[in-house]
Amino acid sequence: MVIVSDGSTDGTDNLVRKYASDNPWIDLLRMPERTERHFAGKVHAFKAGYDKAKDLNPDVVGNLDADVSIEPDHFQYLLSKFAENPTRRRRIAFQRRIATIRLPLFEYRERLGGCQLFRRECYEAIGGYTPVKGGGIDHIAVVSARMKGWKTRTFTDKVCIHHRTMGTASEAR
């Protein structure tokens, strides 16, 4: 597992180092600090992590933001959904939305990316995430996947909580 720290100053690095010392399968990749907050930074961080892990030839790749809490069986549940649809003819990418928060559509889209999984084939077919300063990279990925013939799914029966209030990111650096 590659955990990418993209320049935040919230203690993520120390927490990851603590767990990595007892779990050799955890690898911390520290990105340079950015002078400006923008969603392209998340794209570059994800790509750096993907490039580090892609030689493992994973079937599924994904991201989980550090300020998101999930249930203990969250990834087991999502991976079981991939296993239920194993054929390459039925291409499927999965995304998670924050099920505990009711938001207007434009904010809902911003929060899709807190946890998003792809079949590796799908991620590579869409060229990965598109670096866009203003956000929406998760939505662009979903639309791109659909345009390439992949089916996408959102599951709302598992709880996923985003701890940061929308629009407060500059306060959390």
Protein backbone atom coordinates (compact mmCIF):
# COMPACT_ATOMS: atom_id res chain seq x y z
CA MET A 1 0.00 0.00 0.00
CA VAL A 2 1.39 3.37 -0.98
CA ILE A 3 0.27 6.31 1.12
CA VAL A 4 1.04 9.63 -0.53
CA SER A 5 1.35 12.73 1.61
CA ASP A 6 0.80 15.67 -0.70
CA GLY A 7 2.26 18.44 1.42
CA SER A 8 -0.25 18.63 4.23
CA THR A 9 0.94 19.70 7.67
CA ASP A 10 -1.72 17.90 9.70
CA GLY A 11 0.49 15.14 11.13
CA THR A 12 -0.31 12.57 8.43
CA ASP A 13 3.38 11.80 7.82
CA ASN A 14 4.09 10.97 11.48
CA LEU A 15 0.99 8.79 11.73
CA VAL A 16 1.92 6.85 8.58
CA ARG A 17 5.53 6.42 9.72
CA LYS A 18 4.27 5.02 13.04
CA TYR A 19 2.16 2.35 11.33
CA ALA A 20 4.71 1.69 8.57
CA SER A 21 7.34 0.76 11.16
CA ASP A 22 5.21 -2.25 12.19
CA ASN A 23 3.72 -2.97 8.75
CA PRO A 24 6.31 -3.28 5.98
CA TRP A 25 3.59 -3.34 3.32
CA ILE A 26 2.88 0.36 4.04
CA ASP A 27 5.03 2.73 2.02
CA LEU A 28 4.99 6.51 2.62
CA LEU A 29 5.66 8.67 -0.41
CA ARG A 30 6.13 12.34 0.49
CA MET A 31 5.37 14.88 -2.23
CA PRO A 32 6.87 18.37 -2.13
CA GLU A 33 4.77 20.98 -0.36
CA ARG A 34 2.66 23.07 -2.70
CA THR A 35 2.50 26.83 -2.49
CA GLU A 36 -1.11 26.88 -3.68
CA ARG A 37 -4.07 24.62 -2.90
CA HIS A 38 -5.65 23.03 -5.96
CA PHE A 39 -7.06 19.67 -6.96
CA ALA A 40 -4.36 19.10 -9.58
CA GLY A 41 -2.08 18.46 -6.59
CA LYS A 42 -4.23 15.46 -5.62
CA VAL A 43 -3.97 14.18 -9.19
CA HIS A 44 -0.16 14.46 -9.19
CA ALA A 45 0.02 12.77 -5.77
CA PHE A 46 -2.21 9.92 -6.91
CA LYS A 47 -0.18 9.46 -10.11
CA ALA A 48 3.07 9.34 -8.09
CA GLY A 49 1.59 6.65 -5.84
CA TYR A 50 0.24 4.74 -8.81
CA ASP A 51 3.59 4.89 -10.61
CA LYS A 52 5.29 3.50 -7.50
CA ALA A 53 2.83 0.58 -7.19
CA LYS A 54 1.92 -0.23 -10.80
CA ASP A 55 4.68 -2.83 -11.20
CA LEU A 56 2.73 -4.92 -8.68
CA ASN A 57 0.14 -5.21 -11.47
CA PRO A 58 -2.90 -4.67 -9.25
CA ASP A 59 -6.38 -5.52 -10.48
CA VAL A 60 -7.90 -2.59 -8.58
CA VAL A 61 -6.50 0.85 -7.76
CA GLY A 62 -8.07 3.53 -5.64
CA ASN A 63 -7.76 6.44 -3.30
CA LEU A 64 -8.95 7.26 0.18
CA ASP A 65 -8.53 10.79 1.50
CA ALA A 66 -6.89 11.07 4.92
CA ASP A 67 -9.84 13.02 6.33
CA VAL A 68 -12.38 10.27 5.63
CA SER A 69 -13.52 7.58 8.08
CA ILE A 70 -14.83 4.26 6.84
CA GLU A 71 -16.28 1.12 8.38
CA PRO A 72 -13.79 -1.72 9.08
CA ASP A 73 -15.11 -3.85 6.20
CA HIS A 74 -15.36 -0.97 3.72
CA PHE A 75 -12.78 -2.18 1.21
CA GLN A 76 -13.72 -5.83 1.66
CA TYR A 77 -17.26 -4.83 0.69
CA LEU A 78 -16.16 -2.83 -2.37
CA LEU A 79 -13.75 -5.52 -3.54
CA SER A 80 -16.54 -8.08 -3.25
CA LYS A 81 -18.51 -5.95 -5.72
CA PHE A 82 -15.64 -6.21 -8.19
CA ALA A 83 -15.53 -9.98 -7.65
CA GLU A 84 -19.27 -10.26 -8.36
CA ASN A 85 -18.61 -8.78 -11.82
CA PRO A 86 -15.37 -10.42 -12.98
CA THR A 87 -15.85 -10.49 -16.76
CA ARG A 88 -13.96 -8.02 -18.86
CA ARG A 89 -16.99 -7.60 -21.14
CA ARG A 90 -18.91 -6.05 -18.26
CA ARG A 91 -16.48 -3.30 -17.40
CA ILE A 92 -17.15 -1.82 -14.01
CA ALA A 93 -15.52 0.95 -12.00
CA PHE A 94 -16.80 1.73 -8.53
CA GLN A 95 -17.08 4.98 -6.69
CA ARG A 96 -18.21 5.78 -3.17
CA ARG A 97 -20.16 8.78 -2.11
CA ILE A 98 -20.49 10.15 1.36
CA ALA A 99 -23.65 8.35 2.39
CA THR A 100 -24.21 10.18 5.66
CA ILE A 101 -24.40 13.69 4.22
CA ARG A 102 -27.24 15.07 2.09
CA LEU A 103 -25.87 17.72 -0.24
CA PRO A 104 -26.87 19.68 -3.30
CA LEU A 105 -25.62 18.06 -6.50
CA PHE A 106 -22.64 20.38 -7.03
CA GLU A 107 -21.22 19.63 -3.55
CA TYR A 108 -22.06 15.93 -3.83
CA ARG A 109 -19.83 15.71 -6.86
CA GLU A 110 -16.95 17.34 -5.01
CA ARG A 111 -17.13 14.64 -2.34
CA LEU A 112 -17.15 11.57 -4.58
CA GLY A 113 -13.37 11.48 -4.66
CA GLY A 114 -12.90 10.88 -0.92
CA CYS A 115 -12.89 7.17 -1.75
CA GLN A 116 -12.90 5.93 -5.32
CA LEU A 117 -11.83 2.58 -6.76
CA PHE A 118 -11.15 1.55 -10.35
CA ARG A 119 -10.26 -1.60 -12.18
CA ARG A 120 -6.69 -0.88 -13.25
CA GLU A 121 -7.72 -1.33 -16.89
CA CYS A 122 -10.34 1.38 -16.49
CA TYR A 123 -7.98 3.80 -14.74
CA GLU A 124 -5.42 3.37 -17.51
CA ALA A 125 -8.07 3.59 -20.26
CA ILE A 126 -9.18 7.03 -19.05
CA GLY A 127 -5.60 8.22 -18.64
CA GLY A 128 -5.93 8.51 -14.87
CA TYR A 129 -7.30 11.54 -13.12
CA THR A 130 -7.34 14.82 -15.04
CA PRO A 131 -5.48 17.64 -13.25
CA VAL A 132 -8.03 20.43 -12.82
CA LYS A 133 -7.34 23.27 -10.40
CA GLY A 134 -10.95 23.88 -9.41
CA GLY A 135 -11.93 20.32 -8.51
CA GLY A 136 -14.32 17.77 -9.91
CA ILE A 137 -11.53 15.32 -10.75
CA ASP A 138 -13.60 12.43 -9.40
CA HIS A 139 -16.61 13.37 -11.51
CA ILE A 140 -14.43 13.81 -14.61
CA ALA A 141 -13.06 10.29 -14.01
CA VAL A 142 -16.58 8.84 -13.79
CA VAL A 143 -17.73 10.61 -16.95
CA SER A 144 -14.53 9.62 -18.78
CA ALA A 145 -15.02 5.97 -17.75
CA ARG A 146 -18.60 6.00 -19.02
CA MET A 147 -17.50 7.61 -22.28
CA LYS A 148 -15.01 4.74 -22.74
CA GLY A 149 -17.75 2.15 -22.23
CA TRP A 150 -17.19 1.33 -18.56
CA LYS A 151 -20.12 1.01 -16.17
CA THR A 152 -19.84 2.85 -12.87
CA ARG A 153 -21.62 2.20 -9.59
CA THR A 154 -22.19 4.14 -6.39
CA PHE A 155 -22.97 2.22 -3.21
CA THR A 156 -24.83 4.01 -0.45
CA ASP A 157 -25.35 1.15 1.98
CA LYS A 158 -21.94 1.64 3.63
CA VAL A 159 -21.14 4.69 5.74
CA CYS A 160 -18.27 6.94 4.73
CA ILE A 161 -17.76 10.18 6.67
CA HIS A 162 -15.82 13.17 5.38
CA HIS A 163 -14.57 15.09 8.43
CA ARG A 164 -13.69 18.36 6.78
CA THR A 165 -16.45 20.83 6.02
CA MET A 166 -16.66 21.82 2.36
CA GLY A 167 -14.64 24.95 1.61
CA THR A 168 -12.37 24.78 4.69
CA ALA A 169 -9.36 23.08 3.12
CA SER A 170 -7.11 26.12 3.34
CA GLU A 171 -7.60 26.07 7.13
CA ALA A 172 -6.39 22.44 7.41
CA ARG A 173 -3.00 22.70 5.73
